[in-house]
Structures are given as C-alpha cells and as structure tokens.
Amino acid sequence: MKKFQAHHKLMALSSVALAGILTLNACGSTNTNSDSSASATSSSSAAASGSAQSSSGPLKIENTWAKATDGGMTGVFGKITNTSDHDVKVVSATSTATDEVQLHTTVKDSNGSTKMQQVQEFTVKAGETLELKPGGNHIMLMGLNCSLSAGASTTVTLKTEDGATLEFKPEARDYSGAKEEYQGDAQSTGSASAGASASASGDSHDGHEHGHG
C-alpha cells in the first residue's frame, strides 16, 4: 500500500513538473475569446476614495496579430487609430513574452537595399491611422526564449508620450512572405509616422533570420 501511495505521489509531481516545462516553452496561451481591438487607458488616483480610475485615451488598435514563431524574435502588427485632434506619439512597448520589445520602421540605405531599423517613437497623426504591417512599421518582440504557436496570444502594451497605455492581445498566425534585413548596428533615431511604409526583401536580424511579410 505504501509503495502504491509513493508511486502515485511521484506520478503527480512528475505531471506538475511537466506542466511547468510546457508553460515555460510557450510564450502565450490559446486565444479562446480574442479581442482584436483595444482602447488606450491611463490611470490616476482619486483623491476622495484613493482608488485608481481609468479614462479612455485617444488611441484605439484593431486587426492585431503576430507572426507565429518557434522562438528568437517575431513581429506584431495592427492598425492604430488616433481619434483626437492632436498628434499622439507611441514611445515604447512591452510584452509578456519578452523583456526586449522594439519599435521598428523600414528604411532604404544608399545602395537601395531595404532594411528594418529601430526608432524611438511612432507618431500617429490627428484623425489618422498608423498601420503596423509586414514590410513597414511594426513592433518587434526580441530575444524570445519560448515559442508562439498559431492560435496562441500574448499581451502587448504600448505607452504614449503622455503616459497613457494601450494594451492588446495579438493572436499568432502562420505567415510567410517577404523578409527584411535588420540594421542592428544603427542607433535608434527618428520617428515613424502614420502612412510611412515600404516593401522589404532580404532578412537578417543581427545574423538571425526573421520574416514579417
């Protein structure tokens, strides 16, 4: 009887350990009730109650998705619309899948080659939509040590210049197409504006291949 109980306990512990390994190996969970749009929110302290209040910001994002990957890096895409009468700057992004998230745009070098380059911000012009798409502006999840399989989702949060945040959960898709070369040794400069995009070919992020579309 004691041997049976010990064996049963060992099997239970093994199942827990295996579940932990599977969790570590996957960047996100299956998106069973995915929303492809979100609104920017900011939090402030309420003096009377001491509780945090959320107010709608000027940005909304829709049609979001990410390229499925076995690890390394991947791109995140969607359409960011500015509903206000003033320009809004997205200055950074974070993700639950990695600690390294970059804002990227597409540029051409002196030889006419198209490359991906990190920028400090995305400017979403008043009343306009900035499309994040393969071969154009996009968000890069770098240094992934986990997989993001098709159908799974991860959480991405954009931060604007005024401190507001825009959280969304892009669902991963299997996707192949044109690939880009990453200008990894270039300094992060400039701003990508609404409407800025270019086709891309070639592919290597500091020697690692990746494709956005």
Protein backbone atom coordinates (compact mmCIF):
# COMPACT_ATOMS: atom_id res chain seq x y z
CA MET A 1 0.00 0.00 0.00
CA LYS A 2 2.80 2.40 0.95
CA LYS A 3 4.62 1.61 -2.31
CA PHE A 4 1.44 2.40 -4.28
CA GLN A 5 0.99 5.73 -2.45
CA ALA A 6 4.63 6.67 -3.05
CA HIS A 7 4.33 5.79 -6.76
CA HIS A 8 1.09 7.79 -7.05
CA LYS A 9 2.72 10.81 -5.40
CA LEU A 10 5.74 10.57 -7.72
CA MET A 11 3.46 10.48 -10.77
CA ALA A 12 1.58 13.55 -9.53
CA LEU A 13 4.82 15.50 -9.00
CA SER A 14 6.04 14.49 -12.46
CA SER A 15 2.82 15.80 -14.03
CA VAL A 16 3.22 19.14 -12.26
CA ALA A 17 6.85 19.41 -13.38
CA LEU A 18 5.91 18.60 -16.99
CA ALA A 19 3.17 21.25 -16.93
CA GLY A 20 5.71 23.79 -15.71
CA ILE A 21 8.10 22.94 -18.56
CA LEU A 22 5.32 23.29 -21.13
CA THR A 23 4.38 26.68 -19.66
CA LEU A 24 7.96 27.90 -19.91
CA ASN A 25 8.23 26.74 -23.50
CA ALA A 26 5.14 28.64 -24.69
CA CYS A 27 5.02 32.44 -24.90
CA GLY A 28 1.24 32.65 -24.73
CA SER A 29 -1.93 30.69 -24.23
CA THR A 30 -4.56 29.71 -26.76
CA ASN A 31 -6.79 32.65 -27.52
CA THR A 32 -10.30 31.26 -26.98
CA ASN A 33 -12.05 34.63 -26.77
CA SER A 34 -9.74 37.02 -28.56
CA ASP A 35 -10.44 40.71 -28.96
CA SER A 36 -8.57 42.24 -31.92
CA SER A 37 -9.19 45.79 -30.74
CA ALA A 38 -8.50 47.81 -27.62
CA SER A 39 -8.54 51.38 -26.34
CA ALA A 40 -5.80 53.39 -24.71
CA THR A 41 -6.24 53.88 -20.98
CA SER A 42 -4.45 55.83 -18.28
CA SER A 43 -4.72 55.54 -14.51
CA SER A 44 -4.96 58.33 -11.93
CA SER A 45 -5.53 58.41 -8.17
CA ALA A 46 -8.89 59.52 -6.91
CA ALA A 47 -8.34 61.89 -4.01
CA ALA A 48 -11.58 61.06 -2.23
CA SER A 49 -11.54 57.27 -2.39
CA GLY A 50 -7.86 56.55 -3.05
CA SER A 51 -8.83 54.18 -5.86
CA ALA A 52 -7.49 54.22 -9.41
CA GLN A 53 -9.71 55.39 -12.23
CA SER A 54 -9.29 54.60 -15.92
CA SER A 55 -10.11 57.09 -18.63
CA SER A 56 -10.29 56.49 -22.36
CA GLY A 57 -7.32 57.74 -24.35
CA PRO A 58 -7.28 58.94 -27.97
CA LEU A 59 -5.81 55.75 -29.46
CA LYS A 60 -7.51 52.52 -30.42
CA ILE A 61 -5.98 49.46 -32.06
CA GLU A 62 -7.60 46.77 -34.19
CA ASN A 63 -6.81 43.89 -36.53
CA THR A 64 -3.87 42.90 -34.35
CA TRP A 65 -1.80 39.77 -34.93
CA ALA A 66 1.69 38.37 -34.52
CA LYS A 67 3.76 36.06 -36.67
CA ALA A 68 3.91 32.56 -35.18
CA THR A 69 7.45 31.56 -34.24
CA ASP A 70 9.42 28.78 -32.58
CA GLY A 71 11.41 31.41 -30.69
CA GLY A 72 14.05 34.06 -31.28
CA MET A 73 12.03 37.04 -32.49
CA THR A 74 8.81 37.97 -34.22
CA GLY A 75 6.76 40.91 -35.44
CA VAL A 76 3.46 42.31 -34.15
CA PHE A 77 1.05 44.14 -36.43
CA GLY A 78 -2.26 46.00 -36.43
CA LYS A 79 -3.89 49.37 -37.08
CA ILE A 80 -3.59 52.21 -34.55
CA THR A 81 -6.15 54.99 -34.97
CA ASN A 82 -5.88 58.40 -33.36
CA THR A 83 -9.38 59.71 -32.61
CA SER A 84 -8.17 63.05 -31.25
CA ASP A 85 -7.41 66.39 -32.89
CA HIS A 86 -3.72 66.30 -31.96
CA ASP A 87 -0.80 64.02 -32.84
CA VAL A 88 -0.02 61.21 -30.39
CA LYS A 89 3.40 59.60 -30.02
CA VAL A 90 3.87 55.96 -29.05
CA VAL A 91 7.25 55.93 -27.32
CA SER A 92 7.69 52.35 -26.09
CA ALA A 93 6.17 48.89 -25.85
CA THR A 94 6.32 45.92 -23.51
CA SER A 95 5.19 42.30 -23.80
CA THR A 96 4.60 39.35 -21.51
CA ALA A 97 6.60 37.23 -23.97
CA THR A 98 9.94 39.04 -23.60
CA ASP A 99 11.73 41.87 -21.82
CA GLU A 100 13.02 43.27 -25.10
CA VAL A 101 10.48 44.99 -27.33
CA GLN A 102 11.38 47.49 -30.05
CA LEU A 103 9.54 49.86 -32.38
CA HIS A 104 10.71 49.34 -35.97
CA THR A 105 10.31 51.02 -39.31
CA THR A 106 11.55 50.24 -42.84
CA VAL A 107 14.35 52.30 -44.40
CA LYS A 108 16.47 52.22 -47.54
CA ASP A 109 20.24 52.53 -47.47
CA SER A 110 22.45 54.27 -50.04
CA ASN A 111 22.51 51.10 -52.14
CA GLY A 112 18.74 50.92 -52.30
CA SER A 113 18.52 47.91 -50.01
CA THR A 114 15.53 47.82 -47.68
CA LYS A 115 16.24 47.26 -44.00
CA MET A 116 14.42 47.29 -40.70
CA GLN A 117 15.61 49.87 -38.18
CA GLN A 118 14.62 50.64 -34.61
CA VAL A 119 13.00 54.02 -33.98
CA GLN A 120 12.32 55.94 -30.78
CA GLU A 121 8.64 56.51 -31.46
CA PHE A 122 5.63 56.10 -33.72
CA THR A 123 3.71 59.30 -34.44
CA VAL A 124 0.00 58.73 -35.04
CA LYS A 125 -1.28 61.91 -36.66
CA ALA A 126 -4.53 63.53 -35.56
CA GLY A 127 -7.54 61.74 -37.01
CA GLU A 128 -5.37 59.26 -38.93
CA THR A 129 -4.47 55.57 -38.74
CA LEU A 130 -0.94 54.18 -38.47
CA GLU A 131 -0.78 50.70 -39.94
CA LEU A 132 1.73 48.26 -38.48
CA LYS A 133 2.30 45.72 -41.22
CA PRO A 134 4.83 43.31 -42.72
CA GLY A 135 7.36 45.31 -44.71
CA GLY A 136 6.51 48.57 -42.93
CA ASN A 137 6.24 49.88 -39.40
CA HIS A 138 5.87 47.15 -36.79
CA ILE A 139 6.62 46.09 -33.23
CA MET A 140 9.44 43.58 -32.72
CA LEU A 141 9.50 41.06 -29.87
CA MET A 142 13.20 40.32 -29.49
CA GLY A 143 15.08 37.63 -27.58
CA LEU A 144 12.19 35.20 -27.23
CA ASN A 145 13.16 32.06 -25.31
CA CYS A 146 9.78 30.49 -25.92
CA SER A 147 7.51 29.61 -28.82
CA LEU A 148 4.42 31.46 -30.01
CA SER A 149 2.38 28.93 -31.93
CA ALA A 150 -0.51 29.72 -34.27
CA GLY A 151 -3.67 30.43 -32.30
CA ALA A 152 -1.83 31.46 -29.15
CA SER A 153 -1.80 35.05 -27.93
CA THR A 154 0.49 37.27 -25.90
CA THR A 155 -0.10 40.61 -24.22
CA VAL A 156 1.50 43.74 -25.69
CA THR A 157 1.25 47.18 -24.08
CA LEU A 158 2.07 50.43 -25.87
CA LYS A 159 2.98 53.55 -23.93
CA THR A 160 2.38 57.06 -25.29
CA GLU A 161 4.34 60.22 -24.64
CA ASP A 162 1.80 61.45 -22.08
CA GLY A 163 1.98 58.21 -20.07
CA ALA A 164 -1.23 56.56 -21.33
CA THR A 165 -1.13 52.87 -22.16
CA LEU A 166 -2.73 50.79 -24.88
CA GLU A 167 -2.94 47.06 -24.11
CA PHE A 168 -3.93 44.39 -26.63
CA LYS A 169 -3.53 40.65 -27.20
CA PRO A 170 -2.42 39.81 -30.74
CA GLU A 171 -3.11 36.26 -31.88
CA ALA A 172 -0.29 34.40 -33.61
CA ARG A 173 -0.68 33.32 -37.23
CA ASP A 174 1.39 31.13 -39.51
CA TYR A 175 2.67 33.59 -42.11
CA SER A 176 5.40 33.68 -44.72
CA GLY A 177 6.33 36.30 -47.26
CA ALA A 178 8.92 38.96 -47.95
CA LYS A 179 11.69 39.16 -45.40
CA GLU A 180 13.68 42.09 -44.11
CA GLU A 181 17.24 42.78 -43.11
CA TYR A 182 17.72 44.39 -39.72
CA GLN A 183 20.09 47.34 -39.42
CA GLY A 184 21.06 46.23 -35.93
CA ASP A 185 24.14 48.40 -35.50
CA ALA A 186 22.22 51.59 -36.29
CA GLN A 187 21.26 53.89 -33.44
CA SER A 188 17.61 54.23 -32.55
CA THR A 189 16.67 57.54 -34.13
CA GLY A 190 13.76 59.29 -35.71
CA SER A 191 10.04 58.73 -35.70
CA ALA A 192 7.82 56.56 -37.85
CA SER A 193 4.68 58.43 -38.87
CA ALA A 194 1.25 57.33 -40.00
CA GLY A 195 1.34 56.23 -43.60
CA ALA A 196 5.09 55.51 -43.69
CA SER A 197 5.80 52.07 -45.17
CA ALA A 198 7.98 50.29 -47.70
CA SER A 199 8.34 46.89 -49.27
CA ALA A 200 11.18 44.75 -47.98
CA SER A 201 13.40 41.92 -49.11
CA GLY A 202 16.26 40.00 -47.60
CA ASP A 203 16.25 39.05 -43.95
CA SER A 204 18.66 39.02 -41.04
CA HIS A 205 18.36 40.46 -37.54
CA ASP A 206 21.94 40.60 -36.36
CA GLY A 207 22.54 37.41 -38.27
CA HIS A 208 19.21 35.83 -37.30
CA GLU A 209 16.58 35.49 -39.96
CA HIS A 210 13.05 36.69 -39.45
CA GLY A 211 10.18 37.45 -41.77
CA HIS A 212 7.34 39.90 -41.34
CA GLY A 213 5.57 39.56 -44.61
